[in-house]
Every structure is written in structure tokens, then in C-alpha cells.
């Protein structure tokens, strides 16, 4: 009798581990294909590992962000271990929770696991002010606005108006009073010549800004008239 009870208990515990008696199957190692860094394309795939002894018949998922919680979605599939083509409602930082459905038809949402999805499909905005014709500043500065992924790199360049080749200037990224800035030392310019200055930027998601340009004409220096000796 003791042996029979022990065998029965062992079978019951094994059945519980398989989800037959309500043990929750929990997805392990939930991750985003390609990593969870910022990206510009609104198309996410995730994968995980099911418990080796679980009988999985489907997966549920839900999106959430600050002040928003989406409706639960269910995808049927025996042994399902991935979700493809998840699209976010808008750019920003989102949280995807995934849970499993076992062989009894129970959805174990409260035992779901969460991963972060980051979408930034908006390029940086530039505001480039090279200065005025009579008092060109020692530095050229372009303000950059990119509230989501943030600025990755940028360049300020220039060319003569009658030329086509741009010359890139050594450009630094710095924190400005109101926004991030690109800054470059003003190059040596030929008096009486018109120049175009151009600022470009790229954010952490890979979005490239539209070039922002400004025209500048350096005035010729007036020759001093010599008075009578």
C-alpha cells in the first residue's frame, strides 16, 4: 500500500508539472529578434523557450505603455515559442507581456513575462544658425531635437556657393541650454565669397535628418584710406 501511494503521488506531481493539474507553464528567456535597442521599423518578432515538460497549445500577449494597456491577443499553436510581426500603435517605449495557454485551455496571464520594445521612426529635427555676415561667431552651432532614441552622431560641413564638394568640419556633440547641439569651429573663409553651411544628424534608431542649410556671405574688408601726410 505504501508503494502504491508513493507511485500515485509521483504520478500526480508529474501531471502537475505538465500543467495537467494547474501548474503554470512560464515562457523562459523571452527576447526580441535583433535585440531590444531602438529601431526605426515598426515590426517586432519575439521568441522564448517553453518548459520541457509543458503542453503548450497557445500564447497570449499584450502591449502596454505609460497610460495605456492594450487588449489581450491569443495565438493558437501547439508548442508555440515565437510571435512574429508585432506592430506598435505609436513610436515610443513599449512593454510586451507574453504568457502561455496549457493543454487544459487555461491562459496563465498572471505568470507572463515582459520584454521592452523601442520604436523611433521620426528623424531628428535641426535648427542651424551659422551667424551673420558681419560678425561670424567662432563656432557654428546647430540645435538637434530627438526626444525618443536621442542623437547618435552629426556633422556640420560647408562649401562655396559656386562649388559642389562639401567639406566636413570636426563636429562635437554637446549639451546645450535647451537641447543637444552640434558644434564646429568656424573655418577660414575668403572675404567677399558666398558659402553654404549644412548640418546633418542621425539618431540612435538610424533615422537621418533632412539637411539644414544656411547661406553666408563674408563681407570684404574695407581698405583704410590714408590721410594726407
Protein backbone atom coordinates (compact mmCIF):
# COMPACT_ATOMS: atom_id res chain seq x y z
CA UNK A 1 0.00 0.00 0.00
CA UNK A 2 2.85 2.36 0.86
CA UNK A 3 4.45 1.69 -2.52
CA UNK A 4 1.13 2.28 -4.28
CA UNK A 5 0.65 5.61 -2.52
CA UNK A 6 4.19 6.69 -3.34
CA UNK A 7 3.74 5.84 -7.03
CA UNK A 8 0.40 7.66 -7.13
CA UNK A 9 1.92 10.75 -5.53
CA UNK A 10 4.80 10.72 -8.00
CA UNK A 11 2.40 10.49 -10.95
CA UNK A 12 0.27 13.31 -9.56
CA UNK A 13 3.31 15.56 -9.17
CA UNK A 14 4.45 14.74 -12.69
CA UNK A 15 1.00 15.53 -14.02
CA UNK A 16 1.00 18.85 -12.17
CA UNK A 17 4.39 19.75 -13.65
CA UNK A 18 2.99 19.11 -17.13
CA UNK A 19 0.13 21.54 -16.50
CA UNK A 20 -2.48 18.80 -16.06
CA UNK A 21 -3.32 19.93 -12.53
CA UNK A 22 -2.92 23.69 -12.86
CA UNK A 23 0.85 24.21 -12.68
CA UNK A 24 1.56 27.34 -14.79
CA UNK A 25 3.82 26.94 -17.82
CA UNK A 26 6.08 30.00 -17.89
CA UNK A 27 7.95 31.16 -21.02
CA UNK A 28 11.70 31.36 -20.40
CA UNK A 29 14.22 33.72 -21.91
CA UNK A 30 11.76 35.98 -23.72
CA UNK A 31 13.79 38.15 -26.14
CA UNK A 32 13.40 40.36 -29.20
CA UNK A 33 14.82 39.17 -32.50
CA UNK A 34 17.65 41.54 -33.36
CA UNK A 35 17.90 42.90 -29.81
CA UNK A 36 15.85 45.39 -27.82
CA UNK A 37 17.63 48.55 -28.96
CA UNK A 38 15.83 51.44 -30.61
CA UNK A 39 14.75 50.76 -34.18
CA UNK A 40 13.04 52.69 -36.97
CA UNK A 41 10.97 49.86 -38.45
CA UNK A 42 7.67 49.06 -36.75
CA UNK A 43 7.94 45.28 -36.99
CA UNK A 44 8.97 43.17 -33.99
CA UNK A 45 9.46 39.42 -33.56
CA UNK A 46 9.98 37.76 -30.18
CA UNK A 47 10.90 34.24 -29.10
CA UNK A 48 11.21 32.20 -25.91
CA UNK A 49 11.71 28.66 -24.61
CA UNK A 50 8.81 26.59 -23.28
CA UNK A 51 9.27 24.40 -20.20
CA UNK A 52 10.42 20.98 -21.42
CA UNK A 53 7.53 19.18 -19.74
CA UNK A 54 4.76 21.69 -20.56
CA UNK A 55 1.97 21.02 -23.05
CA UNK A 56 1.59 24.42 -24.70
CA UNK A 57 -1.39 24.99 -27.02
CA UNK A 58 -1.13 28.74 -27.49
CA UNK A 59 0.40 32.05 -26.41
CA UNK A 60 -1.17 35.30 -25.30
CA UNK A 61 0.32 38.77 -25.48
CA UNK A 62 -0.50 42.33 -24.51
CA UNK A 63 1.12 45.71 -25.16
CA UNK A 64 1.40 48.41 -22.55
CA UNK A 65 2.94 51.87 -22.32
CA UNK A 66 2.69 54.80 -19.95
CA UNK A 67 -1.04 55.44 -19.50
CA UNK A 68 -2.10 52.71 -21.96
CA UNK A 69 -2.81 49.00 -21.73
CA UNK A 70 -3.84 47.10 -24.85
CA UNK A 71 -6.33 44.27 -25.18
CA UNK A 72 -5.03 40.71 -24.81
CA UNK A 73 -4.32 38.79 -28.02
CA UNK A 74 -4.23 34.99 -28.29
CA UNK A 75 -2.31 33.00 -30.90
CA UNK A 76 -3.06 29.26 -31.05
CA UNK A 77 -0.32 26.77 -31.81
CA UNK A 78 0.96 23.51 -30.38
CA UNK A 79 4.35 24.18 -28.80
CA UNK A 80 4.34 27.81 -29.99
CA UNK A 81 7.56 29.57 -28.97
CA UNK A 82 7.60 32.77 -31.03
CA UNK A 83 5.43 35.68 -32.09
CA UNK A 84 6.03 37.47 -35.38
CA UNK A 85 5.03 40.82 -36.92
CA UNK A 86 4.06 42.69 -33.80
CA UNK A 87 3.32 46.34 -34.63
CA UNK A 88 3.24 49.12 -32.06
CA UNK A 89 0.38 51.66 -32.05
CA UNK A 90 2.85 54.56 -31.99
CA UNK A 91 6.51 55.39 -31.59
CA UNK A 92 7.95 55.23 -28.10
CA UNK A 93 8.88 52.81 -25.34
CA UNK A 94 6.53 49.82 -25.00
CA UNK A 95 6.28 46.69 -22.87
CA UNK A 96 5.19 43.37 -24.34
CA UNK A 97 3.96 40.71 -21.93
CA UNK A 98 3.72 37.09 -23.15
CA UNK A 99 2.04 34.18 -21.38
CA UNK A 100 1.15 30.60 -22.32
CA UNK A 101 -2.03 28.55 -22.73
CA UNK A 102 -1.77 24.97 -21.46
CA UNK A 103 -3.49 21.76 -22.55
CA UNK A 104 -6.49 22.46 -20.28
CA UNK A 105 -7.24 25.68 -22.16
CA UNK A 106 -6.14 27.87 -19.25
CA UNK A 107 -4.39 31.16 -20.05
CA UNK A 108 -1.73 31.93 -17.42
CA UNK A 109 -1.60 35.69 -17.92
CA UNK A 110 -0.58 36.45 -14.36
CA UNK A 111 2.52 34.34 -14.92
CA UNK A 112 3.51 36.19 -18.09
CA UNK A 113 6.95 37.63 -18.71
CA UNK A 114 7.73 41.05 -20.17
CA UNK A 115 10.19 42.44 -22.71
CA UNK A 116 10.82 46.01 -23.88
CA UNK A 117 10.13 47.22 -27.43
CA UNK A 118 11.58 50.54 -28.61
CA UNK A 119 10.35 52.33 -31.74
CA UNK A 120 11.61 55.66 -33.09
CA UNK A 121 10.56 56.32 -36.68
CA UNK A 122 10.93 60.11 -36.53
CA UNK A 123 14.18 61.69 -37.79
CA UNK A 124 15.96 64.38 -35.74
CA UNK A 125 14.91 67.99 -36.23
CA UNK A 126 17.68 70.52 -36.87
CA UNK A 127 17.86 74.27 -36.41
CA UNK A 128 21.08 75.60 -37.88
CA UNK A 129 22.25 79.17 -37.26
CA UNK A 130 25.66 79.95 -38.80
CA UNK A 131 25.75 83.60 -37.75
CA UNK A 132 25.54 86.86 -39.65
CA UNK A 133 27.65 88.37 -42.38
CA UNK A 134 29.40 90.94 -40.25
CA UNK A 135 30.06 89.00 -37.06
CA UNK A 136 30.56 85.32 -37.84
CA UNK A 137 30.91 83.51 -34.49
CA UNK A 138 33.97 81.40 -33.69
CA UNK A 139 31.71 78.32 -33.58
CA UNK A 140 28.88 77.12 -35.82
CA UNK A 141 26.04 75.59 -33.82
CA UNK A 142 23.01 73.51 -34.82
CA UNK A 143 20.35 72.58 -32.26
CA UNK A 144 19.08 68.99 -32.53
CA UNK A 145 15.72 67.74 -31.23
CA UNK A 146 15.19 63.97 -30.95
CA UNK A 147 13.15 63.16 -27.83
CA UNK A 148 12.96 59.36 -28.26
CA UNK A 149 16.16 57.50 -29.09
CA UNK A 150 18.45 60.52 -28.93
CA UNK A 151 21.23 61.82 -31.13
CA UNK A 152 23.85 59.32 -32.29
CA UNK A 153 26.09 61.46 -34.50
CA UNK A 154 26.06 64.54 -36.67
CA UNK A 155 28.19 66.68 -38.95
CA UNK A 156 28.49 70.31 -39.91
CA UNK A 157 30.00 70.94 -43.33
CA UNK A 158 30.39 73.82 -45.79
CA UNK A 159 31.14 74.65 -49.39
CA UNK A 160 31.49 77.69 -51.60
CA UNK A 161 28.28 78.61 -53.36
CA UNK A 162 29.92 78.14 -56.76
CA UNK A 163 31.23 74.64 -55.89
CA UNK A 164 29.60 71.24 -55.36
CA UNK A 165 32.02 69.49 -52.99
CA UNK A 166 31.26 69.69 -49.29
CA UNK A 167 33.97 69.88 -46.66
CA UNK A 168 33.11 68.25 -43.34
CA UNK A 169 34.23 70.06 -40.22
CA UNK A 170 35.31 68.34 -36.98
CA UNK A 171 31.96 68.31 -35.20
CA UNK A 172 31.30 67.83 -31.49
CA UNK A 173 28.08 66.77 -29.77
CA UNK A 174 27.33 68.74 -26.63
CA UNK A 175 24.52 69.55 -24.25
CA UNK A 176 23.01 72.95 -24.96
CA UNK A 177 20.83 75.15 -22.82
CA UNK A 178 17.59 73.79 -24.32
CA UNK A 179 18.65 70.82 -26.47
CA UNK A 180 21.53 68.76 -27.76
CA UNK A 181 23.80 70.67 -30.12
CA UNK A 182 26.25 70.08 -32.92
CA UNK A 183 29.20 72.45 -32.76
CA UNK A 184 32.14 73.05 -35.11
CA UNK A 185 34.85 75.68 -35.24
CA UNK A 186 34.33 78.26 -37.95
CA UNK A 187 36.76 77.64 -40.82
CA UNK A 188 38.94 80.21 -42.56
CA UNK A 189 36.78 81.88 -45.20
CA UNK A 190 37.65 84.04 -48.16
CA UNK A 191 36.27 87.59 -47.88
CA UNK A 192 33.72 88.55 -50.50
CA UNK A 193 32.71 84.92 -51.11
CA UNK A 194 29.33 83.24 -50.52
CA UNK A 195 29.23 79.93 -48.64
CA UNK A 196 26.63 77.30 -47.79
CA UNK A 197 26.71 75.63 -44.40
CA UNK A 198 24.98 72.30 -43.85
CA UNK A 199 24.08 70.38 -40.70
CA UNK A 200 23.07 66.69 -40.68
CA UNK A 201 22.23 64.30 -37.84
CA UNK A 202 21.34 60.66 -37.22
CA UNK A 203 19.61 59.27 -34.14
CA UNK A 204 20.11 56.01 -32.22
CA UNK A 205 17.42 54.26 -34.29
CA UNK A 206 19.18 55.10 -37.56
CA UNK A 207 16.85 57.88 -38.73
CA UNK A 208 18.68 60.54 -40.73
CA UNK A 209 17.61 64.17 -40.63
CA UNK A 210 16.96 66.31 -43.66
CA UNK A 211 19.97 68.57 -44.20
CA UNK A 212 19.51 72.03 -42.75
CA UNK A 213 21.33 74.72 -44.72
CA UNK A 214 22.13 78.40 -44.41
CA UNK A 215 23.81 80.83 -46.77
CA UNK A 216 26.52 83.16 -45.59
CA UNK A 217 28.46 85.85 -47.47
CA UNK A 218 31.61 87.13 -45.87
CA UNK A 219 31.92 90.85 -46.48
CA UNK A 220 35.09 92.27 -47.94
CA UNK A 221 37.18 94.24 -45.55
CA UNK A 222 37.17 97.92 -46.30
CA UNK A 223 40.54 99.37 -47.09
CA UNK A 224 41.60 102.21 -44.84
CA UNK A 225 42.13 105.50 -46.60
CA UNK A 226 45.39 107.06 -45.89
CA UNK A 227 45.19 110.67 -44.93
CA UNK A 228 47.48 113.41 -46.15
CA UNK A 229 50.97 113.28 -44.79
